[in-house]
Structures are given as C-alpha cells and as structure tokens.
C-alpha cells in the first residue's frame, strides 16, 4: 500500500480543526494540526506535507501571509484555502498567489475529500 498522504490543517477554530483531523484520519490520511499561521510555518520547517488546508482568517497571521511564505520557502506541495462566503474575493487572490483550490465554510466533508484528491493529482 502507498504511503499515507500527509496533511496539515491550519485553523484557529478548535472544533473545526479537531473535527477535520478526526475525519481525515478516519479516511486514512496522516494529519497534523496547527491553530495559527506562525505555528504552521514552524511545523512545516520540520515536516513536509502533501496538502496544507489553510484558513484565511486567523488572528496571529492571516492565511494569505502564510500562503506567501509557503510558496516563497517551498514548504508545501499543495494548498487548499478555507474561506467564509463573504471572502470570495480574497479566495480568488489566494489562487493568484499560488493556492491550488479553496473551499467555503461551512465545509462539507465529501467536498473536502474530493478537493484533496483532485489537487494531489495535478
């Protein structure tokens, strides 16, 4: 069997982060989590991830700032942004900065799985 895909879930909402980690692990992924951008960047210096699931709005460092650093330092292979419906303009900006896709909150888990599978095939 192939190695498990390594994912990092970055979101300041504890409940959502924990739920995503649990569901993704149940589906066979190796999942780490970070509650903000600064911790995410530190984590990625020590481990390579196939996909980073990155919230746009976080108090310590917003998702676009994190995305810029990820791309500049080549810390992640693929990035999926999480956004609120009112942030679609920002999500488009994230795609221009190199994000591979984005999903709007609230997240339907089946859509997240499909998104992950799609971006790793690209």
Protein backbone atom coordinates (compact mmCIF):
# COMPACT_ATOMS: atom_id res chain seq x y z
CA UNK A 1 0.00 0.00 0.00
CA UNK A 2 1.21 3.51 -0.81
CA UNK A 3 2.29 5.86 1.94
CA UNK A 4 -0.46 7.90 3.54
CA UNK A 5 -0.82 11.44 2.31
CA UNK A 6 0.44 13.91 4.90
CA UNK A 7 -1.92 16.80 5.61
CA UNK A 8 -1.67 19.86 7.82
CA UNK A 9 -4.92 21.50 8.95
CA UNK A 10 -4.40 25.15 9.92
CA UNK A 11 -7.37 26.87 11.55
CA UNK A 12 -7.86 28.87 14.73
CA UNK A 13 -11.28 27.26 15.35
CA UNK A 14 -10.52 24.35 17.69
CA UNK A 15 -13.76 22.49 16.98
CA UNK A 16 -13.41 22.60 13.20
CA UNK A 17 -9.72 21.72 13.29
CA UNK A 18 -10.33 18.75 15.59
CA UNK A 19 -13.27 17.52 13.51
CA UNK A 20 -11.32 17.75 10.25
CA UNK A 21 -8.33 15.96 11.77
CA UNK A 22 -10.54 13.15 13.08
CA UNK A 23 -12.48 12.69 9.83
CA UNK A 24 -9.36 12.84 7.65
CA UNK A 25 -7.51 10.32 9.83
CA UNK A 26 -10.54 8.03 9.64
CA UNK A 27 -10.22 8.22 5.85
CA UNK A 28 -6.59 7.13 6.01
CA UNK A 29 -4.63 10.39 5.97
CA UNK A 30 -1.71 11.28 8.25
CA UNK A 31 -2.91 14.58 9.75
CA UNK A 32 -1.23 17.21 11.88
CA UNK A 33 -2.83 20.42 13.01
CA UNK A 34 -1.86 23.98 13.83
CA UNK A 35 -4.01 26.64 15.47
CA UNK A 36 -2.43 29.54 13.61
CA UNK A 37 -0.09 30.65 10.87
CA UNK A 38 3.04 31.06 12.99
CA UNK A 39 2.80 27.53 14.41
CA UNK A 40 2.01 26.17 10.94
CA UNK A 41 5.16 27.71 9.46
CA UNK A 42 7.29 26.33 12.30
CA UNK A 43 5.73 22.89 11.88
CA UNK A 44 6.42 22.89 8.13
CA UNK A 45 10.10 23.60 8.65
CA UNK A 46 10.39 20.14 10.23
CA UNK A 47 7.98 18.06 8.14
CA UNK A 48 6.85 18.04 4.52
CA UNK A 49 3.14 17.95 3.77
CA UNK A 50 1.36 16.83 0.62
CA UNK A 51 -1.54 19.21 1.27
CA UNK A 52 -1.98 22.13 3.66
CA UNK A 53 -5.58 23.05 4.45
CA UNK A 54 -5.30 26.70 5.40
CA UNK A 55 -7.88 29.06 6.87
CA UNK A 56 -7.80 32.61 5.55
CA UNK A 57 -8.85 34.45 8.72
CA UNK A 58 -6.67 33.78 11.73
CA UNK A 59 -5.67 36.20 14.48
CA UNK A 60 -1.88 35.74 14.52
CA UNK A 61 -1.15 35.70 10.80
CA UNK A 62 -3.75 35.56 8.05
CA UNK A 63 -3.86 32.78 5.51
CA UNK A 64 -2.60 34.93 2.65
CA UNK A 65 0.52 35.87 4.61
CA UNK A 66 1.10 32.20 5.40
CA UNK A 67 0.50 31.25 1.75
CA UNK A 68 3.07 33.77 0.55
CA UNK A 69 5.67 32.30 2.92
CA UNK A 70 4.76 28.72 1.98
CA UNK A 71 5.28 29.47 -1.68
CA UNK A 72 8.42 31.57 -1.21
CA UNK A 73 10.08 28.94 1.00
CA UNK A 74 8.61 25.92 -0.85
CA UNK A 75 7.23 24.47 2.39
CA UNK A 76 4.14 22.74 0.98
CA UNK A 77 3.33 20.84 -2.19
CA UNK A 78 -0.35 21.81 -2.41
CA UNK A 79 -2.51 24.34 -0.54
CA UNK A 80 -6.29 24.42 -0.15
CA UNK A 81 -7.68 27.60 1.37
CA UNK A 82 -10.73 27.69 3.65
CA UNK A 83 -12.86 30.79 3.39
CA UNK A 84 -16.13 32.24 4.56
CA UNK A 85 -18.69 33.04 1.89
CA UNK A 86 -18.04 36.76 2.37
CA UNK A 87 -14.35 36.30 1.48
CA UNK A 88 -14.61 35.02 -2.10
CA UNK A 89 -12.60 37.98 -3.44
CA UNK A 90 -9.81 37.05 -1.02
CA UNK A 91 -10.07 33.40 -2.09
CA UNK A 92 -9.52 34.45 -5.70
CA UNK A 93 -6.48 36.42 -4.59
CA UNK A 94 -5.21 33.26 -2.86
CA UNK A 95 -5.48 31.37 -6.15
CA UNK A 96 -3.46 34.11 -7.86
CA UNK A 97 -0.82 33.74 -5.12
CA UNK A 98 -0.49 30.02 -5.79
CA UNK A 99 -3.18 28.23 -3.78
CA UNK A 100 -4.38 25.13 -5.56
CA UNK A 101 -8.05 25.46 -4.61
CA UNK A 102 -10.40 26.86 -1.99
CA UNK A 103 -13.48 25.69 -0.14
CA UNK A 104 -16.12 27.80 1.55
CA UNK A 105 -17.22 27.30 5.14
CA UNK A 106 -19.19 25.52 6.38
CA UNK A 107 -17.27 22.65 4.81
CA UNK A 108 -18.97 19.54 3.50
CA UNK A 109 -16.55 16.74 4.21
CA UNK A 110 -17.20 14.93 0.91
CA UNK A 111 -16.24 18.13 -0.93
CA UNK A 112 -13.02 18.39 1.09
CA UNK A 113 -12.11 14.79 0.24
CA UNK A 114 -12.81 15.38 -3.45
CA UNK A 115 -10.74 18.57 -3.36
CA UNK A 116 -7.76 16.86 -1.72
CA UNK A 117 -7.85 14.00 -4.25
CA UNK A 118 -8.11 16.49 -7.13
CA UNK A 119 -5.20 18.71 -6.09
CA UNK A 120 -2.80 15.84 -5.40
CA UNK A 121 -3.42 14.50 -8.93
CA UNK A 122 -2.48 17.84 -10.52
